[in-house]
Amino acid sequence: MVMLLLGDDFDRVKGQIARYESDNGRYKIHVNADRTIDCGRWQINSRHFVERDVVGKSFDTIFVKFGVGTALHDRVAASIANDRLNEALARKIFELRGIKAWTSSRKFIKTKR
């Protein structure tokens, strides 16, 4: 169990997220009941690849940096194939939404206020 304090950084918990989300990359694709796809080692939900909210817009910048176009298929495939890209996306989600963006976090995070 990891003690997570407000303001903790992604590097401290990224290994645990990957472990509980994808068995550290062993399972890089998960199709959800709503037909979205959780992609890559950090299981980034594909809905973020097309939404025009804060997360979606920030992802656009990351995909451009990695040379990935705007097509959903291209973004899903790249996020599965490229762990560095997937980690950059996960880091951005952590920055914007915190650890609770991953439902598995309740398995390994003990929060302290």
Protein backbone atom coordinates (compact mmCIF):
# COMPACT_ATOMS: atom_id res chain seq x y z
CA MET A 1 0.00 0.00 0.00
CA VAL A 2 1.37 3.41 -1.00
CA MET A 3 0.64 6.47 1.12
CA LEU A 4 -0.31 9.22 -1.31
CA LEU A 5 -0.21 12.81 -0.23
CA LEU A 6 -1.83 15.74 -1.97
CA GLY A 7 0.54 16.98 -4.65
CA ASP A 8 2.43 13.69 -5.00
CA ASP A 9 3.89 13.13 -8.39
CA PHE A 10 3.22 10.59 -11.09
CA ASP A 11 6.68 9.02 -10.92
CA ARG A 12 5.98 7.80 -7.41
CA VAL A 13 2.86 5.83 -8.39
CA LYS A 14 3.24 5.03 -12.10
CA GLY A 15 4.58 1.54 -11.42
CA GLN A 16 1.61 0.67 -9.24
CA ILE A 17 -0.84 2.05 -11.79
CA ALA A 18 0.72 -0.05 -14.56
CA ARG A 19 0.79 -3.12 -12.34
CA TYR A 20 -2.88 -2.97 -11.42
CA GLU A 21 -4.21 -1.64 -14.72
CA SER A 22 -2.43 -3.88 -17.24
CA ASP A 23 -0.26 -6.32 -15.29
CA ASN A 24 2.63 -4.01 -16.19
CA GLY A 25 1.87 -4.09 -19.89
CA ARG A 26 0.94 -7.74 -20.21
CA TYR A 27 -2.64 -6.80 -21.09
CA LYS A 28 -2.55 -3.62 -23.16
CA ILE A 29 -6.09 -3.68 -24.55
CA HIS A 30 -9.34 -3.77 -22.62
CA VAL A 31 -12.73 -3.18 -24.26
CA ASN A 32 -15.17 -1.59 -21.82
CA ALA A 33 -18.92 -2.14 -21.64
CA ASP A 34 -19.46 1.28 -23.28
CA ARG A 35 -17.25 0.13 -26.22
CA THR A 36 -14.41 2.48 -25.39
CA ILE A 37 -10.96 0.92 -25.23
CA ASP A 38 -8.47 1.16 -22.40
CA CYS A 39 -5.08 1.32 -24.11
CA GLY A 40 -1.52 0.54 -23.18
CA ARG A 41 0.38 -0.05 -19.98
CA TRP A 42 -1.50 2.72 -18.14
CA GLN A 43 -4.88 1.85 -19.70
CA ILE A 44 -5.79 5.26 -21.12
CA ASN A 45 -9.44 5.33 -22.15
CA SER A 46 -9.93 6.02 -25.84
CA ARG A 47 -12.72 8.51 -25.16
CA HIS A 48 -9.99 10.98 -24.16
CA PHE A 49 -8.55 10.74 -27.69
CA VAL A 50 -11.58 12.44 -29.26
CA GLU A 51 -13.14 14.56 -26.51
CA ARG A 52 -12.75 18.31 -26.74
CA ASP A 53 -12.44 18.83 -22.99
CA VAL A 54 -9.26 19.83 -21.16
CA VAL A 55 -7.85 16.30 -21.27
CA GLY A 56 -8.63 15.81 -24.96
CA LYS A 57 -7.09 19.12 -25.95
CA SER A 58 -3.95 18.46 -23.93
CA PHE A 59 -3.69 15.01 -25.52
CA ASP A 60 -3.70 16.63 -28.98
CA THR A 61 -0.40 18.32 -28.13
CA ILE A 62 1.12 15.06 -26.90
CA PHE A 63 0.01 13.13 -29.99
CA VAL A 64 1.51 15.81 -32.25
CA LYS A 65 4.81 15.57 -30.35
CA PHE A 66 4.85 11.82 -31.04
CA GLY A 67 3.84 12.26 -34.70
CA VAL A 68 0.39 10.71 -34.35
CA GLY A 69 -2.53 12.05 -36.36
CA THR A 70 -6.08 12.79 -35.27
CA ALA A 71 -7.79 9.56 -36.38
CA LEU A 72 -9.06 7.53 -33.42
CA HIS A 73 -7.64 4.28 -34.84
CA ASP A 74 -4.17 5.82 -35.17
CA ARG A 75 -4.27 7.15 -31.62
CA VAL A 76 -5.42 3.84 -30.15
CA ALA A 77 -2.77 1.87 -32.08
CA ALA A 78 0.02 4.29 -31.13
CA SER A 79 -1.00 4.33 -27.47
CA ILE A 80 -0.88 0.53 -27.36
CA ALA A 81 2.39 0.21 -29.27
CA ASN A 82 4.38 3.06 -27.73
CA ASP A 83 4.92 2.91 -23.97
CA ARG A 84 6.59 6.34 -23.92
CA LEU A 85 3.50 7.88 -25.53
CA ASN A 86 1.19 6.00 -23.20
CA GLU A 87 3.19 7.18 -20.20
CA ALA A 88 3.06 10.80 -21.41
CA LEU A 89 -0.74 10.53 -21.71
CA ALA A 90 -0.99 8.94 -18.25
CA ARG A 91 1.21 11.67 -16.76
CA LYS A 92 -1.11 14.33 -18.23
CA ILE A 93 -4.22 12.62 -16.81
CA PHE A 94 -2.52 12.40 -13.42
CA GLU A 95 -1.64 16.09 -13.62
CA LEU A 96 -5.21 17.08 -14.53
CA ARG A 97 -7.33 14.55 -12.63
CA GLY A 98 -5.10 12.92 -10.04
CA ILE A 99 -4.70 9.30 -9.06
CA LYS A 100 -8.43 8.67 -8.78
CA ALA A 101 -8.68 8.81 -12.58
CA TRP A 102 -7.67 5.13 -12.35
CA THR A 103 -10.26 2.95 -10.64
CA SER A 104 -7.54 0.49 -9.63
CA SER A 105 -5.97 3.15 -7.39
CA ARG A 106 -8.24 2.14 -4.54
CA LYS A 107 -6.32 -1.17 -4.44
CA PHE A 108 -2.99 0.43 -3.59
CA ILE A 109 -3.46 4.03 -2.45
CA LYS A 110 -4.09 5.16 1.06
CA THR A 111 -4.86 8.86 1.00
CA LYS A 112 -4.00 11.25 3.77
CA ARG A 113 -5.39 14.77 4.00
